[in-house]
Protein backbone atom coordinates (compact mmCIF):
# COMPACT_ATOMS: atom_id res chain seq x y z
CA MET A 1 -0.01 -20.85 13.21
CA VAL A 2 0.70 -22.00 9.69
CA ARG A 3 3.48 -20.62 7.52
CA GLY A 4 3.33 -21.25 3.81
CA CYS A 5 5.89 -21.30 1.03
CA ALA A 6 7.38 -24.55 -0.23
CA ALA A 7 5.66 -26.25 2.68
CA ALA A 8 3.56 -25.41 5.70
CA THR A 9 3.17 -26.89 9.14
CA LEU A 10 -0.21 -27.42 10.76
CA SER A 11 -0.51 -29.21 14.12
CA GLY A 12 2.87 -30.85 13.58
CA VAL A 13 1.92 -32.30 10.19
CA THR A 14 3.89 -31.23 7.14
CA ARG A 15 1.61 -30.26 4.27
CA ASP A 16 2.30 -29.43 0.64
CA LEU A 17 1.39 -26.11 -0.97
CA SER A 18 -2.33 -26.71 -0.41
CA PRO A 19 -3.77 -24.15 2.01
CA PRO A 20 -5.16 -25.33 5.35
CA LEU A 21 -8.89 -25.77 5.94
CA LEU A 22 -9.96 -22.73 7.93
CA ARG A 23 -13.09 -21.63 9.76
CA ALA A 24 -14.21 -18.03 10.11
CA ARG A 25 -16.93 -16.73 12.41
CA THR A 26 -18.17 -13.14 12.12
CA THR A 27 -20.40 -11.37 14.63
CA GLN A 28 -21.77 -7.85 14.67
CA ILE A 29 -20.48 -5.76 17.58
CA ASP A 30 -21.07 -2.33 19.05
CA ASP A 31 -18.90 0.44 17.67
CA PRO A 32 -15.46 -0.21 19.22
CA GLY A 33 -14.23 3.38 18.87
CA SER A 34 -10.73 3.86 17.54
CA LEU A 35 -9.75 0.71 15.64
CA LEU A 36 -6.04 1.38 16.02
CA ALA A 37 -6.47 1.56 19.80
CA LEU A 38 -7.46 -2.14 19.77
CA ALA A 39 -4.26 -3.40 18.16
CA PRO A 40 -1.57 -5.05 20.29
CA ARG A 41 2.04 -4.02 19.76
CA THR A 42 3.17 -7.23 18.06
CA ASP A 43 1.58 -9.32 15.30
CA SER A 44 -1.00 -6.65 14.50
CA TYR A 45 -2.16 -5.27 11.16
CA ALA A 46 -4.14 -2.22 10.10
CA TRP A 47 -5.89 -0.73 7.09
CA ILE A 48 -7.64 2.55 7.95
CA ARG A 49 -9.15 5.47 6.03
CA GLN A 50 -11.25 8.23 7.60
CA GLY A 51 -11.79 6.11 10.70
CA GLU A 52 -13.10 3.08 8.80
CA GLY A 53 -11.34 -0.12 7.84
CA MET A 54 -9.93 -3.09 9.71
CA VAL A 55 -7.36 -4.01 12.31
CA GLY A 56 -6.24 -7.56 12.95
CA TRP A 57 -3.84 -9.47 15.15
CA GLY A 58 -2.41 -12.92 15.61
CA GLU A 59 -1.38 -15.19 12.76
CA VAL A 60 -3.19 -18.27 11.52
CA VAL A 61 -1.49 -18.56 8.14
CA ARG A 62 1.45 -16.75 6.57
CA TYR A 63 2.02 -17.47 2.91
CA LYS A 64 5.26 -16.31 1.29
CA ALA A 65 4.44 -16.01 -2.37
CA SER A 66 6.85 -16.34 -5.26
CA SER A 67 4.68 -13.87 -7.21
CA ILE A 68 1.34 -12.08 -7.03
CA THR A 69 -0.04 -14.68 -9.43
CA ASP A 70 1.09 -17.41 -7.03
CA ALA A 71 -0.65 -15.61 -4.15
CA VAL A 72 -3.87 -15.29 -6.18
CA GLU A 73 -3.98 -19.05 -6.80
CA TRP A 74 -3.20 -19.87 -3.16
CA TRP A 75 -5.85 -17.50 -1.80
CA ASP A 76 -8.50 -18.68 -4.23
CA GLU A 77 -8.01 -22.27 -3.03
CA LEU A 78 -7.95 -21.31 0.64
CA ALA A 79 -11.11 -19.21 0.37
CA ALA A 80 -12.96 -21.85 -1.66
CA ASN A 81 -12.43 -24.47 1.05
CA ALA A 82 -12.95 -22.29 4.12
CA VAL A 83 -16.10 -22.63 6.24
CA SER A 84 -17.55 -19.25 7.17
CA ARG A 85 -20.42 -18.23 9.45
CA SER A 86 -21.77 -14.73 9.93
CA ASP A 87 -24.69 -13.07 11.67
CA LEU A 88 -24.40 -9.94 9.49
CA ASP A 89 -27.06 -9.40 6.84
CA GLU A 90 -25.57 -8.08 3.59
CA ALA A 91 -22.13 -7.94 5.16
CA PRO A 92 -19.80 -5.23 3.83
CA ALA A 93 -16.62 -6.18 1.97
CA GLY A 94 -13.96 -7.35 4.39
CA ALA A 95 -16.39 -8.81 6.93
CA GLY A 96 -15.38 -12.48 7.14
CA LEU A 97 -12.33 -14.46 6.09
CA LEU A 98 -9.62 -11.98 5.19
CA ALA A 99 -5.89 -11.70 4.52
CA PHE A 100 -3.63 -8.68 4.75
CA GLY A 101 -0.81 -8.55 2.24
CA THR A 102 2.30 -6.76 1.03
CA PHE A 103 4.19 -7.41 -2.19
CA ALA A 104 7.62 -6.42 -3.41
CA PHE A 105 7.96 -3.79 -6.09
CA ASP A 106 10.39 -5.94 -8.06
CA ARG A 107 8.69 -9.08 -9.34
CA ASN A 108 12.13 -10.74 -9.49
CA ASN A 109 12.78 -10.06 -5.80
CA SER A 110 9.49 -11.11 -4.24
CA ALA A 111 10.13 -14.49 -2.61
CA ALA A 112 11.29 -13.10 0.74
CA LEU A 113 8.98 -10.08 0.77
CA SER A 114 5.63 -10.88 -0.86
CA THR A 115 3.32 -12.19 1.83
CA LEU A 116 -0.33 -12.87 2.62
CA ILE A 117 -1.19 -13.09 6.33
CA VAL A 118 -4.46 -14.45 7.69
CA PRO A 119 -4.92 -13.05 11.23
CA GLU A 120 -6.63 -14.78 14.15
CA VAL A 121 -8.90 -11.80 14.85
CA VAL A 122 -10.17 -8.97 12.65
CA VAL A 123 -12.21 -6.04 13.94
CA GLY A 124 -13.71 -3.83 11.26
CA ARG A 125 -16.01 -0.89 10.72
CA ARG A 126 -17.48 0.11 7.37
CA HIS A 127 -20.60 2.03 6.38
CA GLY A 128 -21.62 2.51 10.02
CA ARG A 129 -21.44 -1.20 10.93
CA ALA A 130 -18.84 -2.87 13.13
CA TRP A 131 -17.93 -6.55 13.35
CA CYS A 132 -15.44 -9.02 14.74
CA THR A 133 -14.20 -12.04 12.78
CA ARG A 134 -12.31 -14.92 14.37
CA ILE A 135 -10.36 -17.26 12.12
CA GLY A 136 -8.70 -20.59 12.83
CA THR A 137 -8.89 -24.33 12.45
CA ASP A 138 -10.84 -24.84 15.68
CA LEU A 139 -12.74 -21.91 17.21
CA ASP A 140 -13.71 -22.16 20.85
CA ALA A 141 -16.90 -20.55 22.10
CA GLY A 142 -15.57 -17.93 24.50
CA PHE A 143 -13.95 -14.73 23.27
CA ALA A 144 -13.63 -11.09 24.32
CA LEU A 145 -11.73 -8.21 22.78
CA PRO A 146 -8.49 -7.69 24.70
CA ALA A 147 -7.37 -4.40 26.21
CA ALA A 148 -4.34 -3.23 24.25
CA ASP A 149 -1.47 -1.37 25.87
CA PRO A 150 -1.07 2.23 24.66
CA PRO A 151 1.40 2.92 21.83
CA LEU A 152 4.76 4.49 22.64
CA PRO A 153 6.22 7.49 20.77
CA PRO A 154 9.69 7.42 19.21
CA GLN A 155 12.40 9.08 21.26
CA ASN A 156 15.09 11.45 19.93
CA VAL A 157 14.91 10.49 16.25
CA THR A 158 17.85 11.30 13.98
CA PHE A 159 18.21 10.93 10.22
CA ALA A 160 20.91 9.91 7.77
CA ASP A 161 21.22 9.57 4.00
CA GLY A 162 20.26 6.24 2.49
CA ALA A 163 21.78 4.84 -0.68
CA LEU A 164 22.35 8.28 -2.25
CA SER A 165 22.85 11.76 -0.86
CA GLY A 166 20.68 14.60 -2.16
CA PRO A 167 23.27 15.76 -4.74
CA GLN A 168 23.92 12.19 -5.86
CA TRP A 169 20.20 11.62 -6.39
CA GLU A 170 19.94 14.87 -8.35
CA ALA A 171 22.70 13.53 -10.61
CA ALA A 172 20.68 10.35 -11.14
CA VAL A 173 17.65 12.44 -12.10
CA ALA A 174 19.76 14.45 -14.56
CA GLU A 175 20.97 11.22 -16.16
CA ALA A 176 17.40 9.96 -16.45
CA VAL A 177 16.34 13.22 -18.15
CA ARG A 178 19.26 12.87 -20.57
CA ARG A 179 18.13 9.37 -21.56
CA ILE A 180 14.54 10.51 -21.97
CA ASN A 181 15.62 13.35 -24.25
CA LEU A 182 17.61 10.84 -26.30
CA GLY A 183 14.38 8.90 -26.84
CA GLN A 184 15.38 5.83 -24.80
CA LEU A 185 12.17 6.03 -22.72
CA ASP A 186 9.27 8.39 -22.00
CA LYS A 187 9.13 8.39 -18.20
CA VAL A 188 10.89 6.78 -15.25
CA VAL A 189 10.11 6.96 -11.54
CA LEU A 190 13.20 7.27 -9.37
CA ALA A 191 13.04 6.56 -5.63
CA ARG A 192 15.36 7.53 -2.80
CA ASP A 193 15.57 6.35 0.79
CA LEU A 194 16.27 8.00 4.12
CA LEU A 195 17.30 6.25 7.34
CA ALA A 196 15.80 7.20 10.70
CA PHE A 197 17.09 6.10 14.12
CA ALA A 198 15.27 6.31 17.46
CA GLU A 199 16.60 5.68 20.96
CA ASN A 200 13.79 3.21 21.67
CA ASP A 201 12.10 0.42 19.74
CA LEU A 202 9.68 1.89 17.21
CA ASP A 203 5.99 1.16 17.82
CA PRO A 204 4.15 0.67 14.49
CA ARG A 205 0.85 1.62 16.15
CA TRP A 206 2.15 5.08 17.08
CA LEU A 207 3.29 5.74 13.53
CA ALA A 208 0.03 4.44 12.04
CA ALA A 209 -2.10 6.53 14.43
CA ALA A 210 -0.09 9.66 13.62
CA LEU A 211 -0.50 9.08 9.88
CA ALA A 212 -4.21 8.22 10.12
CA GLY A 213 -4.87 11.35 12.18
CA ARG A 214 -3.11 13.79 9.86
CA TYR A 215 -3.71 12.09 6.50
CA ALA A 216 -7.26 10.85 6.96
CA ARG A 217 -7.98 10.89 3.20
CA CYS A 218 -5.13 8.46 2.58
CA TRP A 219 -5.16 4.72 3.24
CA THR A 220 -3.06 4.07 6.34
CA TYR A 221 -1.51 0.61 6.60
CA ALA A 222 0.68 -1.27 9.08
CA ILE A 223 1.65 -4.81 8.07
CA ASP A 224 4.78 -6.68 9.09
CA GLY A 225 6.69 -3.61 10.27
CA PHE A 226 5.77 -1.80 7.05
CA ILE A 227 3.89 1.42 7.81
CA GLY A 228 2.59 4.20 5.59
CA ALA A 229 -0.32 6.32 4.38
CA THR A 230 -0.81 6.08 0.64
CA PRO A 231 -2.97 8.50 -1.37
CA GLU A 232 -2.95 6.14 -4.36
CA MET A 233 -5.35 3.21 -4.78
CA LEU A 234 -3.90 0.71 -7.26
CA VAL A 235 -7.26 -1.07 -7.38
CA ARG A 236 -10.36 -1.60 -5.27
CA ARG A 237 -12.95 -4.24 -6.11
CA GLU A 238 -16.30 -4.13 -4.35
CA ALA A 239 -19.74 -5.27 -5.51
CA GLY A 240 -18.41 -5.97 -8.99
CA LEU A 241 -16.96 -2.48 -9.50
CA ALA A 242 -13.22 -1.92 -9.97
CA THR A 243 -11.77 1.49 -9.10
CA SER A 244 -8.23 2.80 -9.45
CA ARG A 245 -7.03 6.20 -8.22
CA VAL A 246 -4.07 7.35 -10.29
CA LEU A 247 -1.73 10.05 -8.99
CA ALA A 248 1.10 11.59 -10.99
CA GLY A 249 2.15 15.21 -10.99
CA THR A 250 2.93 16.72 -7.59
CA ILE A 251 3.74 20.08 -6.06
CA ARG A 252 4.52 20.97 -2.45
CA ARG A 253 1.98 23.14 -0.62
CA THR A 254 2.95 26.54 0.78
CA GLY A 255 0.63 26.44 3.79
CA ASP A 256 -1.06 29.63 2.57
CA ARG A 257 -4.58 29.10 1.19
CA ILE A 258 -4.34 31.73 -1.54
CA GLY A 259 -0.87 30.54 -2.51
CA ASP A 260 -2.06 26.93 -2.64
CA LEU A 261 -4.96 27.87 -4.93
CA ALA A 262 -2.47 29.44 -7.32
CA LEU A 263 -0.28 26.34 -7.14
CA ALA A 264 -3.27 24.09 -7.85
CA ALA A 265 -4.15 26.14 -10.94
CA ALA A 266 -0.55 26.00 -12.14
CA LEU A 267 -0.36 22.25 -11.53
CA ALA A 268 -3.56 21.64 -13.52
CA GLN A 269 -2.01 23.47 -16.49
CA SER A 270 1.58 22.20 -16.21
CA SER A 271 2.54 20.43 -19.45
CA LYS A 272 5.28 18.49 -17.64
CA ASP A 273 2.92 17.22 -14.93
CA LEU A 274 0.05 16.54 -17.34
CA GLU A 275 2.41 14.49 -19.51
CA GLU A 276 3.56 12.47 -16.50
CA HIS A 277 -0.05 11.97 -15.43
CA GLU A 278 -1.23 10.82 -18.86
CA TYR A 279 1.40 8.06 -18.95
CA ALA A 280 0.17 6.77 -15.58
CA VAL A 281 -3.54 6.87 -16.49
CA SER A 282 -2.95 5.14 -19.81
CA SER A 283 -1.00 2.32 -18.17
CA VAL A 284 -3.84 1.66 -15.70
CA ALA A 285 -6.49 1.68 -18.44
CA ARG A 286 -4.46 -0.78 -20.51
CA GLY A 287 -3.91 -3.05 -17.50
CA LEU A 288 -7.58 -3.20 -16.53
CA ALA A 289 -8.99 -3.58 -20.05
CA PRO A 290 -8.61 -7.40 -20.35
CA TYR A 291 -10.40 -7.95 -17.01
CA CYS A 292 -13.10 -5.28 -17.07
CA SER A 293 -15.85 -3.73 -19.18
CA GLY A 294 -17.65 -0.41 -19.25
CA MET A 295 -14.50 1.51 -18.32
CA ASN A 296 -14.76 5.22 -17.52
CA VAL A 297 -11.59 7.30 -17.85
CA PRO A 298 -12.17 11.03 -17.20
CA ASP A 299 -10.84 13.40 -19.85
CA ALA A 300 -8.88 15.52 -17.38
CA PRO A 301 -7.47 15.03 -13.86
CA TYR A 302 -8.53 16.87 -10.74
CA VAL A 303 -6.27 18.29 -8.03
CA LEU A 304 -6.17 16.19 -4.86
CA GLU A 305 -5.28 18.28 -1.80
CA LEU A 306 -3.28 16.62 0.97
CA PRO A 307 -1.78 18.39 3.99
CA ASN A 308 1.74 18.38 2.51
CA VAL A 309 1.31 18.26 -1.29
CA LEU A 310 -1.07 18.71 -4.20
CA HIS A 311 -1.48 15.86 -6.71
CA LEU A 312 -3.00 15.52 -10.14
CA ALA A 313 -5.49 12.67 -9.70
CA THR A 314 -7.78 10.58 -11.91
CA ASP A 315 -10.28 7.96 -10.72
CA VAL A 316 -10.67 5.19 -13.30
CA THR A 317 -13.75 2.96 -12.85
CA ALA A 318 -14.91 -0.21 -14.61
CA VAL A 319 -17.07 -3.30 -14.17
CA ALA A 320 -14.82 -6.19 -13.12
CA ASP A 321 -15.21 -9.63 -14.66
CA ARG A 322 -16.70 -12.10 -12.17
CA GLY A 323 -13.54 -14.18 -12.01
CA ALA A 324 -11.17 -11.25 -11.50
CA SER A 325 -10.43 -10.82 -7.79
CA SER A 326 -8.98 -7.61 -6.39
CA LEU A 327 -5.58 -9.28 -6.09
CA ALA A 328 -5.73 -10.56 -9.68
CA LEU A 329 -6.49 -7.01 -10.83
CA ALA A 330 -3.55 -5.72 -8.78
CA ASP A 331 -1.38 -8.31 -10.49
CA ALA A 332 -2.50 -7.02 -13.88
CA LEU A 333 -1.74 -3.39 -12.97
CA HIS A 334 1.57 -3.69 -11.15
CA PRO A 335 3.87 -1.95 -11.82
CA SER A 336 1.97 0.98 -13.28
CA ALA A 337 3.66 3.94 -14.94
CA ALA A 338 2.91 5.95 -11.77
CA VAL A 339 5.62 4.07 -9.86
CA CYS A 340 7.77 2.61 -12.64
CA GLY A 341 7.62 4.48 -15.93
CA THR A 342 7.12 3.74 -19.59
CA PRO A 343 7.98 1.64 -21.50
CA THR A 344 7.86 -0.62 -18.45
CA GLU A 345 10.84 -2.86 -19.27
CA VAL A 346 13.14 0.05 -20.11
CA ALA A 347 12.01 1.98 -17.04
CA GLN A 348 12.67 -1.01 -14.78
CA ALA A 349 16.18 -1.40 -16.17
CA THR A 350 16.81 2.32 -15.68
CA ILE A 351 15.58 2.12 -12.08
CA ALA A 352 17.90 -0.79 -11.35
CA GLU A 353 20.85 1.11 -12.78
CA LEU A 354 20.31 4.59 -11.34
CA GLU A 355 18.62 4.20 -7.94
CA HIS A 356 21.34 2.15 -6.19
CA LEU A 357 18.81 0.75 -3.71
CA ASP A 358 16.47 -2.16 -3.19
CA ARG A 359 12.93 -0.79 -3.01
CA GLU A 360 11.75 -3.91 -1.15
CA ARG A 361 8.01 -3.33 -0.55
CA TYR A 362 8.07 0.34 -1.46
CA ALA A 363 5.75 1.05 -4.44
CA GLY A 364 4.43 -2.52 -4.40
CA PRO A 365 0.79 -3.49 -3.73
CA VAL A 366 -0.34 -3.36 -0.09
CA GLY A 367 -3.81 -4.06 1.26
CA TRP A 368 -6.31 -6.85 1.85
CA ILE A 369 -8.55 -9.41 0.17
CA ASP A 370 -11.64 -11.22 1.44
CA ALA A 371 -13.18 -14.59 0.62
CA SER A 372 -15.29 -13.19 -2.22
CA GLY A 373 -12.27 -11.61 -3.90
CA ASP A 374 -13.25 -8.08 -2.93
CA GLY A 375 -10.49 -5.98 -1.48
CA GLU A 376 -8.35 -2.88 -1.63
CA TRP A 377 -4.76 -2.77 -2.87
CA GLY A 378 -2.99 0.54 -2.52
CA ILE A 379 0.43 1.43 -3.84
CA ALA A 380 2.84 1.41 -0.91
CA LEU A 381 3.86 5.08 -0.82
CA ARG A 382 4.65 7.58 1.97
CA CYS A 383 6.02 4.68 3.95
CA GLY A 384 8.80 3.14 5.98
CA GLN A 385 10.04 -0.35 6.82
CA ILE A 386 11.19 -1.04 10.37
CA SER A 387 14.42 -3.03 10.37
CA GLU A 388 14.01 -6.70 11.25
CA THR A 389 17.41 -6.72 12.98
CA ASP A 390 17.18 -3.36 14.76
CA PRO A 391 13.65 -2.25 15.79
CA ARG A 392 14.98 1.24 16.54
CA GLN A 393 15.70 1.85 12.84
CA ILE A 394 13.30 2.54 9.99
CA ARG A 395 13.97 3.09 6.28
CA LEU A 396 11.81 5.75 4.62
CA PHE A 397 11.09 5.96 0.90
CA ALA A 398 9.97 8.59 -1.60
CA GLY A 399 9.93 8.72 -5.39
CA CYS A 400 9.27 11.12 -8.26
CA GLY A 401 8.18 10.70 -11.84
CA ILE A 402 10.85 11.92 -14.25
CA VAL A 403 9.96 13.13 -17.76
CA ALA A 404 11.70 15.29 -20.35
CA GLY A 405 10.85 18.54 -18.56
CA SER A 406 11.98 17.45 -15.09
CA ASP A 407 14.39 19.63 -13.12
CA PRO A 408 16.68 17.68 -10.70
CA GLU A 409 16.55 20.34 -7.96
CA ALA A 410 12.75 20.55 -8.13
CA GLU A 411 12.45 16.76 -8.07
CA LEU A 412 14.61 16.60 -4.92
CA ALA A 413 12.33 19.17 -3.29
CA GLU A 414 9.30 17.07 -4.30
CA SER A 415 10.85 13.93 -2.81
CA ASN A 416 11.50 15.80 0.44
CA ALA A 417 7.83 16.84 0.52
CA LYS A 418 6.80 13.21 0.11
CA LEU A 419 8.99 12.23 3.08
CA VAL A 420 7.15 14.71 5.33
CA PRO A 421 4.33 12.33 6.43
CA MET A 422 6.71 9.73 7.83
CA ARG A 423 9.08 12.32 9.27
CA ASP A 424 6.17 14.00 11.05
CA ALA A 425 4.94 10.64 12.36
CA LEU A 426 8.41 10.05 13.79
CA GLY A 427 8.17 13.40 15.57
CA SER A 428 10.60 15.34 13.40
């Protein structure tokens, strides 16, 4: 295993920032069934949507980045010097050398949190093809997929307020609305946290499987004790095409089909939600413009239906420049107005003042990148971070976009709806 930051250790030799020389060998395999069922309890990683994606385990290299830009440069050098072999013809993105990654929301608080991890083994399935990639400095000939032990459910979970109680967070929202109406900013996204406690150590695989089963249209991730199912794709790059799914404007579902249709129609015509959405779409278009051409931004959003909420959604597409990797594009987009606000600098200062919490990885980029620069980087939403010091505790996060027409009580209800996926996964 190699760990990277100011220095890395490989076979007892101290190296500088230069990445190690790695080998990757990819073979086509029969369909392995549930990918999450393959993952061991520790040192495993997952990125799943509608049954496709990748799981990995083990750790060849861990690079703690000082910034996303730093991680881009490190990965580019590592990938350029790696030796890869594959028996797949026209291999799909992600088949081969790959790193999973998570990055802090706050660019000034990333050193301890922003990480790229190259696993020892990756098993993937995309477009009806399955493969296994082994990565290391010296690959032996013999290998077989291990039998993983079954995941364990949380026991007797209880909850407690995080940094702010519900009424305290409503007061923060009211203050944000006051500042917006004074013209200090146009939009700010305020997050809140919720603590959950189980009687046994939490198993990330159980939480990921529960999320992937119920929220199949979202991107489920489990990396370094950080688990969630995000509906929002910050950026995907594949075959030269860059895609970003922007979500802003949310309403909780009733559970009644006719009632939900009425809510969807109201959401699509809500001036408050359309205003919030336009800020988010504009920020993504501006961020991609220097790195892409032929951009397509739809004139109006559509309503994305998830089991717990309805979102206004827009899919922005463009042709990515050849030198712009998926992680470089994520660097250009983060933080978007969908998770920060606008103007960005004023919104960030307002967040720091009113939230009273450290978002850590919440609302930062999470995903993967391969040797060609293709990859998927979601925004880390609908998520929780298992405590490093107490594996029975997890910190859940939710946030809401605040604009001039926001109502504090309604925003609290929206944040509670966004906590439902993780609460359900915990068995609440």
